[in-house]
């Protein structure tokens, strides 16, 4: 019986960076979702006639919109400053495929 040749697997650093960015996005969206839901639940309780209104909208709605605006600004910041532009091209000249690192 022939012995199979072991091929050494070199992890691609591009995918490690994308995994970290995916976790950041997951935490970002969960935080936004929880913030919007909690503000809607806690500020939207009770009789609508007793709500506090701001700019003609119920306070819970205005707070949810404010959270969404802040979330959009944080998302823009993440895209512009935190996330890296990574080429997924198989023939990327800036990437050393043997070592699994950027040149």
PDB file of N, CA and C in Angstrom:
ATOM      1  N   UNK A   1       0.841  -1.168   0.000  1.00  0.00           N
ATOM      2  CA  UNK A   1       0.000   0.000   0.000  1.00  0.00           C
ATOM      3  C   UNK A   1       0.895   1.243   0.000  1.00  0.00           C
ATOM      4  N   UNK A   2       0.579   2.162  -0.926  1.00  0.00           N
ATOM      5  CA  UNK A   2       1.378   3.376  -1.039  1.00  0.00           C
ATOM      6  C   UNK A   2       0.971   4.380   0.026  1.00  0.00           C
ATOM      7  N   UNK A   3       1.981   5.076   0.469  1.00  0.00           N
ATOM      8  CA  UNK A   3       1.745   6.124   1.457  1.00  0.00           C
ATOM      9  C   UNK A   3       1.392   7.416   0.716  1.00  0.00           C
ATOM     10  N   UNK A   4       0.283   8.049   1.111  1.00  0.00           N
ATOM     11  CA  UNK A   4      -0.134   9.285   0.455  1.00  0.00           C
ATOM     12  C   UNK A   4       0.758  10.434   0.896  1.00  0.00           C
ATOM     13  N   UNK A   5       1.051  11.301  -0.067  1.00  0.00           N
ATOM     14  CA  UNK A   5       1.881  12.460   0.235  1.00  0.00           C
ATOM     15  C   UNK A   5       1.030  13.515   0.948  1.00  0.00           C
ATOM     16  N   UNK A   6       1.550  14.009   2.050  1.00  0.00           N
ATOM     17  CA  UNK A   6       0.854  15.037   2.815  1.00  0.00           C
ATOM     18  C   UNK A   6       1.106  16.391   2.164  1.00  0.00           C
ATOM     19  N   UNK A   7       0.034  17.098   1.912  1.00  0.00           N
ATOM     20  CA  UNK A   7       0.146  18.443   1.360  1.00  0.00           C
ATOM     21  C   UNK A   7      -0.050  19.416   2.514  1.00  0.00           C
ATOM     22  N   UNK A   8       0.928  20.318   2.670  1.00  0.00           N
ATOM     23  CA  UNK A   8       0.839  21.278   3.762  1.00  0.00           C
ATOM     24  C   UNK A   8      -0.172  22.363   3.403  1.00  0.00           C
ATOM     25  N   UNK A   9      -1.112  22.583   4.285  1.00  0.00           N
ATOM     26  CA  UNK A   9      -2.133  23.605   4.091  1.00  0.00           C
ATOM     27  C   UNK A   9      -1.659  24.900   4.720  1.00  0.00           C
ATOM     28  N   UNK A  10      -1.609  25.949   3.921  1.00  0.00           N
ATOM     29  CA  UNK A  10      -1.226  27.264   4.419  1.00  0.00           C
ATOM     30  C   UNK A  10      -2.476  28.131   4.422  1.00  0.00           C
ATOM     31  N   UNK A  11      -2.952  28.525   5.604  1.00  0.00           N
ATOM     32  CA  UNK A  11      -4.159  29.354   5.637  1.00  0.00           C
ATOM     33  C   UNK A  11      -3.922  30.703   4.981  1.00  0.00           C
ATOM     34  N   UNK A  12      -4.900  31.158   4.262  1.00  0.00           N
ATOM     35  CA  UNK A  12      -4.829  32.424   3.553  1.00  0.00           C
ATOM     36  C   UNK A  12      -5.176  33.551   4.523  1.00  0.00           C
ATOM     37  N   UNK A  13      -4.277  34.476   4.721  1.00  0.00           N
ATOM     38  CA  UNK A  13      -4.490  35.556   5.689  1.00  0.00           C
ATOM     39  C   UNK A  13      -5.652  36.456   5.291  1.00  0.00           C
ATOM     40  N   UNK A  14      -5.992  36.473   4.011  1.00  0.00           N
ATOM     41  CA  UNK A  14      -7.122  37.296   3.573  1.00  0.00           C
ATOM     42  C   UNK A  14      -8.418  36.803   4.210  1.00  0.00           C
ATOM     43  N   UNK A  15      -8.566  35.492   4.330  1.00  0.00           N
ATOM     44  CA  UNK A  15      -9.798  34.951   4.883  1.00  0.00           C
ATOM     45  C   UNK A  15      -9.858  35.140   6.397  1.00  0.00           C
ATOM     46  N   UNK A  16      -8.724  35.188   7.061  1.00  0.00           N
ATOM     47  CA  UNK A  16      -8.716  35.482   8.492  1.00  0.00           C
ATOM     48  C   UNK A  16      -9.198  36.905   8.733  1.00  0.00           C
ATOM     49  N   UNK A  17      -8.758  37.836   7.912  1.00  0.00           N
ATOM     50  CA  UNK A  17      -9.197  39.229   8.048  1.00  0.00           C
ATOM     51  C   UNK A  17     -10.691  39.339   7.769  1.00  0.00           C
ATOM     52  N   UNK A  18     -11.172  38.613   6.779  1.00  0.00           N
ATOM     53  CA  UNK A  18     -12.599  38.659   6.469  1.00  0.00           C
ATOM     54  C   UNK A  18     -13.428  38.037   7.578  1.00  0.00           C
ATOM     55  N   UNK A  19     -12.900  37.031   8.257  1.00  0.00           N
ATOM     56  CA  UNK A  19     -13.607  36.433   9.386  1.00  0.00           C
ATOM     57  C   UNK A  19     -13.757  37.423  10.534  1.00  0.00           C
ATOM     58  N   UNK A  20     -12.694  38.173  10.815  1.00  0.00           N
ATOM     59  CA  UNK A  20     -12.759  39.199  11.865  1.00  0.00           C
ATOM     60  C   UNK A  20     -13.759  40.294  11.489  1.00  0.00           C
ATOM     61  N   UNK A  21     -13.754  40.693  10.228  1.00  0.00           N
ATOM     62  CA  UNK A  21     -14.683  41.722   9.787  1.00  0.00           C
ATOM     63  C   UNK A  21     -16.125  41.218   9.850  1.00  0.00           C
ATOM     64  N   UNK A  22     -16.340  39.950   9.563  1.00  0.00           N
ATOM     65  CA  UNK A  22     -17.690  39.377   9.654  1.00  0.00           C
ATOM     66  C   UNK A  22     -18.188  39.389  11.097  1.00  0.00           C
ATOM     67  N   UNK A  23     -17.318  39.117  12.037  1.00  0.00           N
ATOM     68  CA  UNK A  23     -17.702  39.159  13.454  1.00  0.00           C
ATOM     69  C   UNK A  23     -18.026  40.588  13.869  1.00  0.00           C
ATOM     70  N   UNK A  24     -17.236  41.560  13.400  1.00  0.00           N
ATOM     71  CA  UNK A  24     -17.503  42.962  13.698  1.00  0.00           C
ATOM     72  C   UNK A  24     -18.881  43.361  13.164  1.00  0.00           C
ATOM     73  N   UNK A  25     -19.199  42.959  11.940  1.00  0.00           N
ATOM     74  CA  UNK A  25     -20.494  43.293  11.346  1.00  0.00           C
ATOM     75  C   UNK A  25     -21.629  42.628  12.113  1.00  0.00           C
ATOM     76  N   UNK A  26     -21.443  41.383  12.526  1.00  0.00           N
ATOM     77  CA  UNK A  26     -22.473  40.685  13.290  1.00  0.00           C
ATOM     78  C   UNK A  26     -22.752  41.398  14.615  1.00  0.00           C
ATOM     79  N   UNK A  27     -21.712  41.767  15.332  1.00  0.00           N
ATOM     80  CA  UNK A  27     -21.876  42.471  16.606  1.00  0.00           C
ATOM     81  C   UNK A  27     -22.513  43.844  16.371  1.00  0.00           C
ATOM     82  N   UNK A  28     -22.096  44.524  15.324  1.00  0.00           N
ATOM     83  CA  UNK A  28     -22.647  45.838  14.963  1.00  0.00           C
ATOM     84  C   UNK A  28     -24.150  45.753  14.717  1.00  0.00           C
ATOM     85  N   UNK A  29     -24.584  44.804  13.896  1.00  0.00           N
ATOM     86  CA  UNK A  29     -26.012  44.685  13.586  1.00  0.00           C
ATOM     87  C   UNK A  29     -26.813  44.194  14.782  1.00  0.00           C
ATOM     88  N   UNK A  30     -26.264  43.305  15.579  1.00  0.00           N
ATOM     89  CA  UNK A  30     -26.975  42.866  16.784  1.00  0.00           C
ATOM     90  C   UNK A  30     -27.158  44.022  17.764  1.00  0.00           C
ATOM     91  N   UNK A  31     -26.121  44.844  17.928  1.00  0.00           N
ATOM     92  CA  UNK A  31     -26.223  45.987  18.826  1.00  0.00           C
ATOM     93  C   UNK A  31     -27.276  46.976  18.324  1.00  0.00           C
ATOM     94  N   UNK A  32     -27.300  47.238  17.029  1.00  0.00           N
ATOM     95  CA  UNK A  32     -28.304  48.134  16.471  1.00  0.00           C
ATOM     96  C   UNK A  32     -29.710  47.561  16.646  1.00  0.00           C
ATOM     97  N   UNK A  33     -29.883  46.294  16.352  1.00  0.00           N
ATOM     98  CA  UNK A  33     -31.187  45.645  16.466  1.00  0.00           C
ATOM     99  C   UNK A  33     -31.682  45.675  17.910  1.00  0.00           C
ATOM    100  N   UNK A  34     -30.800  45.328  18.835  1.00  0.00           N
ATOM    101  CA  UNK A  34     -31.190  45.317  20.251  1.00  0.00           C
ATOM    102  C   UNK A  34     -31.519  46.729  20.723  1.00  0.00           C
ATOM    103  N   UNK A  35     -30.722  47.719  20.315  1.00  0.00           N
ATOM    104  CA  UNK A  35     -30.991  49.105  20.702  1.00  0.00           C
ATOM    105  C   UNK A  35     -32.338  49.595  20.197  1.00  0.00           C
ATOM    106  N   UNK A  36     -32.641  49.314  18.932  1.00  0.00           N
ATOM    107  CA  UNK A  36     -33.913  49.744  18.360  1.00  0.00           C
ATOM    108  C   UNK A  36     -35.072  49.011  19.022  1.00  0.00           C
ATOM    109  N   UNK A  37     -34.947  47.717  19.212  1.00  0.00           N
ATOM    110  CA  UNK A  37     -36.037  46.945  19.812  1.00  0.00           C
ATOM    111  C   UNK A  37     -36.287  47.347  21.265  1.00  0.00           C
ATOM    112  N   UNK A  38     -35.223  47.529  22.037  1.00  0.00           N
ATOM    113  CA  UNK A  38     -35.411  47.917  23.437  1.00  0.00           C
ATOM    114  C   UNK A  38     -36.037  49.299  23.567  1.00  0.00           C
ATOM    115  N   UNK A  39     -35.608  50.228  22.712  1.00  0.00           N
ATOM    116  CA  UNK A  39     -36.216  51.563  22.780  1.00  0.00           C
ATOM    117  C   UNK A  39     -37.677  51.510  22.357  1.00  0.00           C
ATOM    118  N   UNK A  40     -38.008  50.722  21.361  1.00  0.00           N
ATOM    119  CA  UNK A  40     -39.402  50.605  20.938  1.00  0.00           C
ATOM    120  C   UNK A  40     -40.246  49.918  22.007  1.00  0.00           C
ATOM    121  N   UNK A  41     -39.712  48.897  22.649  1.00  0.00           N
ATOM    122  CA  UNK A  41     -40.471  48.169  23.668  1.00  0.00           C
ATOM    123  C   UNK A  41     -40.672  49.019  24.914  1.00  0.00           C
ATOM    124  N   UNK A  42     -39.607  49.622  25.435  1.00  0.00           N
ATOM    125  CA  UNK A  42     -39.712  50.335  26.707  1.00  0.00           C
ATOM    126  C   UNK A  42     -40.343  51.723  26.581  1.00  0.00           C
ATOM    127  N   UNK A  43     -40.121  52.402  25.446  1.00  0.00           N
ATOM    128  CA  UNK A  43     -40.720  53.721  25.278  1.00  0.00           C
ATOM    129  C   UNK A  43     -42.105  53.658  24.643  1.00  0.00           C
ATOM    130  N   UNK A  44     -42.463  52.514  24.068  1.00  0.00           N
ATOM    131  CA  UNK A  44     -43.743  52.381  23.386  1.00  0.00           C
ATOM    132  C   UNK A  44     -44.801  51.664  24.201  1.00  0.00           C
ATOM    133  N   UNK A  45     -44.590  51.539  25.493  1.00  0.00           N
ATOM    134  CA  UNK A  45     -45.573  50.870  26.348  1.00  0.00           C
ATOM    135  C   UNK A  45     -46.753  51.795  26.644  1.00  0.00           C
ATOM    136  N   UNK A  46     -47.861  51.164  26.945  1.00  0.00           N
ATOM    137  CA  UNK A  46     -49.006  51.913  27.448  1.00  0.00           C
ATOM    138  C   UNK A  46     -49.930  52.430  26.372  1.00  0.00           C
ATOM    139  N   UNK A  47     -50.788  53.315  26.790  1.00  0.00           N
ATOM    140  CA  UNK A  47     -51.796  53.891  25.922  1.00  0.00           C
ATOM    141  C   UNK A  47     -51.156  54.931  24.998  1.00  0.00           C
ATOM    142  N   UNK A  48     -51.406  54.858  23.680  1.00  0.00           N
ATOM    143  CA  UNK A  48     -50.823  55.836  22.760  1.00  0.00           C
ATOM    144  C   UNK A  48     -51.222  57.284  23.070  1.00  0.00           C
ATOM    145  N   UNK A  49     -52.343  57.480  23.740  1.00  0.00           N
ATOM    146  CA  UNK A  49     -52.745  58.851  24.096  1.00  0.00           C
ATOM    147  C   UNK A  49     -51.816  59.446  25.156  1.00  0.00           C
ATOM    148  N   UNK A  50     -51.128  58.571  25.896  1.00  0.00           N
ATOM    149  CA  UNK A  50     -50.224  59.031  26.952  1.00  0.00           C
ATOM    150  C   UNK A  50     -48.761  59.129  26.500  1.00  0.00           C
ATOM    151  N   UNK A  51     -48.481  58.839  25.227  1.00  0.00           N
ATOM    152  CA  UNK A  51     -47.107  58.896  24.734  1.00  0.00           C
ATOM    153  C   UNK A  51     -46.575  60.327  24.768  1.00  0.00           C
ATOM    154  N   UNK A  52     -45.274  60.431  24.888  1.00  0.00           N
ATOM    155  CA  UNK A  52     -44.591  61.705  24.709  1.00  0.00           C
ATOM    156  C   UNK A  52     -44.268  61.832  23.224  1.00  0.00           C
ATOM    157  N   UNK A  53     -44.560  62.987  22.652  1.00  0.00           N
ATOM    158  CA  UNK A  53     -44.341  63.189  21.221  1.00  0.00           C
ATOM    159  C   UNK A  53     -43.205  64.176  21.007  1.00  0.00           C
ATOM    160  N   UNK A  54     -42.393  63.901  19.996  1.00  0.00           N
ATOM    161  CA  UNK A  54     -41.261  64.753  19.634  1.00  0.00           C
ATOM    162  C   UNK A  54     -41.281  64.911  18.119  1.00  0.00           C
ATOM    163  N   UNK A  55     -41.334  66.129  17.655  1.00  0.00           N
ATOM    164  CA  UNK A  55     -41.433  66.425  16.220  1.00  0.00           C
ATOM    165  C   UNK A  55     -42.678  65.796  15.599  1.00  0.00           C
ATOM    166  N   UNK A  56     -43.728  65.618  16.372  1.00  0.00           N
ATOM    167  CA  UNK A  56     -44.973  65.057  15.864  1.00  0.00           C
ATOM    168  C   UNK A  56     -45.003  63.540  15.830  1.00  0.00           C
ATOM    169  N   UNK A  57     -43.918  62.910  16.238  1.00  0.00           N
ATOM    170  CA  UNK A  57     -43.851  61.454  16.271  1.00  0.00           C
ATOM    171  C   UNK A  57     -43.744  60.982  17.713  1.00  0.00           C
ATOM    172  N   UNK A  58     -44.190  59.766  17.995  1.00  0.00           N
ATOM    173  CA  UNK A  58     -43.991  59.238  19.355  1.00  0.00           C
ATOM    174  C   UNK A  58     -42.502  59.184  19.683  1.00  0.00           C
ATOM    175  N   UNK A  59     -42.177  59.358  20.952  1.00  0.00           N
ATOM    176  CA  UNK A  59     -40.782  59.385  21.378  1.00  0.00           C
ATOM    177  C   UNK A  59     -40.053  58.099  21.001  1.00  0.00           C
ATOM    178  N   UNK A  60     -40.717  56.949  21.126  1.00  0.00           N
ATOM    179  CA  UNK A  60     -40.057  55.685  20.810  1.00  0.00           C
ATOM    180  C   UNK A  60     -39.637  55.641  19.347  1.00  0.00           C
ATOM    181  N   UNK A  61     -40.479  56.185  18.452  1.00  0.00           N
ATOM    182  CA  UNK A  61     -40.166  56.196  17.024  1.00  0.00           C
ATOM    183  C   UNK A  61     -38.990  57.123  16.743  1.00  0.00           C
ATOM    184  N   UNK A  62     -39.006  58.306  17.364  1.00  0.00           N
ATOM    185  CA  UNK A  62     -37.922  59.264  17.168  1.00  0.00           C
ATOM    186  C   UNK A  62     -36.596  58.711  17.672  1.00  0.00           C
ATOM    187  N   UNK A  63     -36.619  58.032  18.825  1.00  0.00           N
ATOM    188  CA  UNK A  63     -35.392  57.431  19.363  1.00  0.00           C
ATOM    189  C   UNK A  63     -34.899  56.315  18.437  1.00  0.00           C
ATOM    190  N   UNK A  64     -35.807  55.504  17.905  1.00  0.00           N
ATOM    191  CA  UNK A  64     -35.407  54.432  16.973  1.00  0.00           C
ATOM    192  C   UNK A  64     -34.741  55.007  15.724  1.00  0.00           C
ATOM    193  N   UNK A  65     -35.318  56.091  15.198  1.00  0.00           N
ATOM    194  CA  UNK A  65     -34.720  56.733  14.022  1.00  0.00           C
ATOM    195  C   UNK A  65     -33.343  57.299  14.366  1.00  0.00           C
ATOM    196  N   UNK A  66     -33.210  57.892  15.548  1.00  0.00           N
ATOM    197  CA  UNK A  66     -31.909  58.403  15.983  1.00  0.00           C
ATOM    198  C   UNK A  66     -30.876  57.298  16.099  1.00  0.00           C
ATOM    199  N   UNK A  67     -31.276  56.153  16.648  1.00  0.00           N
ATOM    200  CA  UNK A  67     -30.361  55.011  16.751  1.00  0.00           C
ATOM    201  C   UNK A  67     -29.959  54.532  15.367  1.00  0.00           C
ATOM    202  N   UNK A  68     -30.902  54.507  14.437  1.00  0.00           N
ATOM    203  CA  UNK A  68     -30.588  54.066  13.075  1.00  0.00           C
ATOM    204  C   UNK A  68     -29.626  55.041  12.378  1.00  0.00           C
ATOM    205  N   UNK A  69     -29.806  56.334  12.601  1.00  0.00           N
ATOM    206  CA  UNK A  69     -28.901  57.319  11.994  1.00  0.00           C
ATOM    207  C   UNK A  69     -27.493  57.153  12.554  1.00  0.00           C
ATOM    208  N   UNK A  70     -27.385  57.006  13.871  1.00  0.00           N
ATOM    209  CA  UNK A  70     -26.073  56.770  14.481  1.00  0.00           C
ATOM    210  C   UNK A  70     -25.479  55.461  13.949  1.00  0.00           C
ATOM    211  N   UNK A  71     -26.307  54.440  13.798  1.00  0.00           N
ATOM    212  CA  UNK A  71     -25.838  53.155  13.268  1.00  0.00           C
ATOM    213  C   UNK A  71     -25.322  53.262  11.843  1.00  0.00           C
ATOM    214  N   UNK A  72     -26.006  54.061  11.031  1.00  0.00           N
ATOM    215  CA  UNK A  72     -25.542  54.265   9.658  1.00  0.00           C
ATOM    216  C   UNK A  72     -24.196  54.978   9.657  1.00  0.00           C
ATOM    217  N   UNK A  73     -24.040  55.976  10.509  1.00  0.00           N
ATOM    218  CA  UNK A  73     -22.758  56.695  10.585  1.00  0.00           C
ATOM    219  C   UNK A  73     -21.636  55.777  11.069  1.00  0.00           C
ATOM    220  N   UNK A  74     -21.925  54.915  12.039  1.00  0.00           N
ATOM    221  CA  UNK A  74     -20.921  53.951  12.510  1.00  0.00           C
ATOM    222  C   UNK A  74     -20.578  52.975  11.386  1.00  0.00           C
ATOM    223  N   UNK A  75     -21.575  52.542  10.628  1.00  0.00           N
ATOM    224  CA  UNK A  75     -21.326  51.644   9.496  1.00  0.00           C
ATOM    225  C   UNK A  75     -20.437  52.285   8.442  1.00  0.00           C
ATOM    226  N   UNK A  76     -20.680  53.554   8.148  1.00  0.00           N
ATOM    227  CA  UNK A  76     -19.834  54.275   7.188  1.00  0.00           C
ATOM    228  C   UNK A  76     -18.406  54.376   7.713  1.00  0.00           C
ATOM    229  N   UNK A  77     -18.263  54.664   9.006  1.00  0.00           N
ATOM    230  CA  UNK A  77     -16.927  54.722   9.608  1.00  0.00           C
ATOM    231  C   UNK A  77     -16.221  53.367   9.496  1.00  0.00           C
ATOM    232  N   UNK A  78     -16.943  52.286   9.785  1.00  0.00           N
ATOM    233  CA  UNK A  78     -16.339  50.953   9.700  1.00  0.00           C
ATOM    234  C   UNK A  78     -15.842  50.658   8.284  1.00  0.00           C
ATOM    235  N   UNK A  79     -16.653  51.001   7.304  1.00  0.00           N
ATOM    236  CA  UNK A  79     -16.270  50.727   5.915  1.00  0.00           C
ATOM    237  C   UNK A  79     -15.086  51.585   5.494  1.00  0.00           C
ATOM    238  N   UNK A  80     -15.070  52.846   5.924  1.00  0.00           N
ATOM    239  CA  UNK A  80     -14.019  53.759   5.473  1.00  0.00           C
ATOM    240  C   UNK A  80     -12.694  53.573   6.219  1.00  0.00           C
ATOM    241  N   UNK A  81     -12.750  53.228   7.525  1.00  0.00           N
ATOM    242  CA  UNK A  81     -11.536  53.237   8.330  1.00  0.00           C
ATOM    243  C   UNK A  81     -11.092  51.886   8.874  1.00  0.00           C
ATOM    244  N   UNK A  82     -12.018  50.970   9.119  1.00  0.00           N
ATOM    245  CA  UNK A  82     -11.661  49.722   9.799  1.00  0.00           C
ATOM    246  C   UNK A  82     -11.478  48.581   8.810  1.00  0.00           C
ATOM    247  N   UNK A  83     -12.421  48.420   7.887  1.00  0.00           N
ATOM    248  CA  UNK A  83     -12.357  47.292   6.956  1.00  0.00           C
ATOM    249  C   UNK A  83     -11.309  47.550   5.874  1.00  0.00           C
ATOM    250  N   UNK A  84     -10.628  46.476   5.485  1.00  0.00           N
ATOM    251  CA  UNK A  84      -9.594  46.584   4.459  1.00  0.00           C
ATOM    252  C   UNK A  84     -10.150  46.144   3.112  1.00  0.00           C
ATOM    253  N   UNK A  85      -9.601  46.704   2.059  1.00  0.00           N
ATOM    254  CA  UNK A  85      -9.958  46.282   0.714  1.00  0.00           C
ATOM    255  C   UNK A  85      -9.118  45.057   0.381  1.00  0.00           C
ATOM    256  N   UNK A  86      -9.769  43.908   0.209  1.00  0.00           N
ATOM    257  CA  UNK A  86      -9.066  42.655  -0.024  1.00  0.00           C
ATOM    258  C   UNK A  86      -9.453  42.117  -1.391  1.00  0.00           C
ATOM    259  N   UNK A  87      -8.464  41.840  -2.215  1.00  0.00           N
ATOM    260  CA  UNK A  87      -8.718  41.265  -3.527  1.00  0.00           C
ATOM    261  C   UNK A  87      -9.017  39.776  -3.379  1.00  0.00           C
ATOM    262  N   UNK A  88     -10.056  39.318  -4.031  1.00  0.00           N
ATOM    263  CA  UNK A  88     -10.394  37.897  -4.020  1.00  0.00           C
ATOM    264  C   UNK A  88      -9.956  37.201  -5.302  1.00  0.00           C
ATOM    265  N   UNK A  89      -9.237  37.933  -6.124  1.00  0.00           N
ATOM    266  CA  UNK A  89      -8.766  37.398  -7.388  1.00  0.00           C
ATOM    267  C   UNK A  89      -7.746  36.297  -7.147  1.00  0.00           C
ATOM    268  N   UNK A  90      -7.880  35.190  -7.855  1.00  0.00           N
ATOM    269  CA  UNK A  90      -6.958  34.065  -7.698  1.00  0.00           C
ATOM    270  C   UNK A  90      -5.560  34.407  -8.198  1.00  0.00           C
ATOM    271  N   UNK A  91      -5.443  35.382  -9.050  1.00  0.00           N
ATOM    272  CA  UNK A  91      -4.155  35.774  -9.621  1.00  0.00           C
ATOM    273  C   UNK A  91      -3.690  37.114  -9.050  1.00  0.00           C
ATOM    274  N   UNK A  92      -3.903  37.342  -7.788  1.00  0.00           N
ATOM    275  CA  UNK A  92      -3.531  38.606  -7.158  1.00  0.00           C
ATOM    276  C   UNK A  92      -2.008  38.729  -7.106  1.00  0.00           C
ATOM    277  N   UNK A  93      -1.415  39.720  -7.793  1.00  0.00           N
ATOM    278  CA  UNK A  93       0.047  39.851  -7.804  1.00  0.00           C
ATOM    279  C   UNK A  93       0.624  40.317  -6.460  1.00  0.00           C
ATOM    280  N   UNK A  94      -0.215  40.884  -5.585  1.00  0.00           N
ATOM    281  CA  UNK A  94       0.274  41.380  -4.297  1.00  0.00           C
ATOM    282  C   UNK A  94       0.238  40.314  -3.210  1.00  0.00           C
ATOM    283  N   UNK A  95      -0.149  39.083  -3.560  1.00  0.00           N
ATOM    284  CA  UNK A  95      -0.304  38.041  -2.548  1.00  0.00           C
ATOM    285  C   UNK A  95       0.596  36.857  -2.868  1.00  0.00           C
ATOM    286  N   UNK A  96       1.349  36.405  -1.846  1.00  0.00           N
ATOM    287  CA  UNK A  96       2.217  35.242  -2.000  1.00  0.00           C
ATOM    288  C   UNK A  96       1.427  34.010  -1.554  1.00  0.00           C
ATOM    289  N   UNK A  97       0.996  33.217  -2.511  1.00  0.00           N
ATOM    290  CA  UNK A  97       0.121  32.076  -2.221  1.00  0.00           C
ATOM    291  C   UNK A  97       0.863  30.937  -1.535  1.00  0.00           C
ATOM    292  N   UNK A  98       2.150  30.840  -1.731  1.00  0.00           N
ATOM    293  CA  UNK A  98       2.925  29.770  -1.081  1.00  0.00           C
ATOM    294  C   UNK A  98       3.045  29.999   0.419  1.00  0.00           C
ATOM    295  N   UNK A  99       3.235  31.263   0.801  1.00  0.00           N
ATOM    296  CA  UNK A  99       3.396  31.592   2.229  1.00  0.00           C
ATOM    297  C   UNK A  99       2.067  32.001   2.862  1.00  0.00           C
ATOM    298  N   UNK A 100       1.074  32.378   2.062  1.00  0.00           N
ATOM    299  CA  UNK A 100      -0.211  32.786   2.587  1.00  0.00           C
ATOM    300  C   UNK A 100      -0.209  34.179   3.176  1.00  0.00           C
ATOM    301  N   UNK A 101       0.659  35.056   2.657  1.00  0.00           N
ATOM    302  CA  UNK A 101       0.736  36.426   3.172  1.00  0.00           C
ATOM    303  C   UNK A 101       0.813  37.411   2.016  1.00  0.00           C
ATOM    304  N   UNK A 102       0.516  38.672   2.346  1.00  0.00           N
ATOM    305  CA  UNK A 102       0.637  39.747   1.351  1.00  0.00           C
ATOM    306  C   UNK A 102       2.117  40.100   1.173  1.00  0.00           C
ATOM    307  N   UNK A 103       2.519  40.352  -0.063  1.00  0.00           N
ATOM    308  CA  UNK A 103       3.916  40.687  -0.365  1.00  0.00           C
ATOM    309  C   UNK A 103       4.256  42.079   0.055  1.00  0.00           C
TER     310      UNK A 103
END
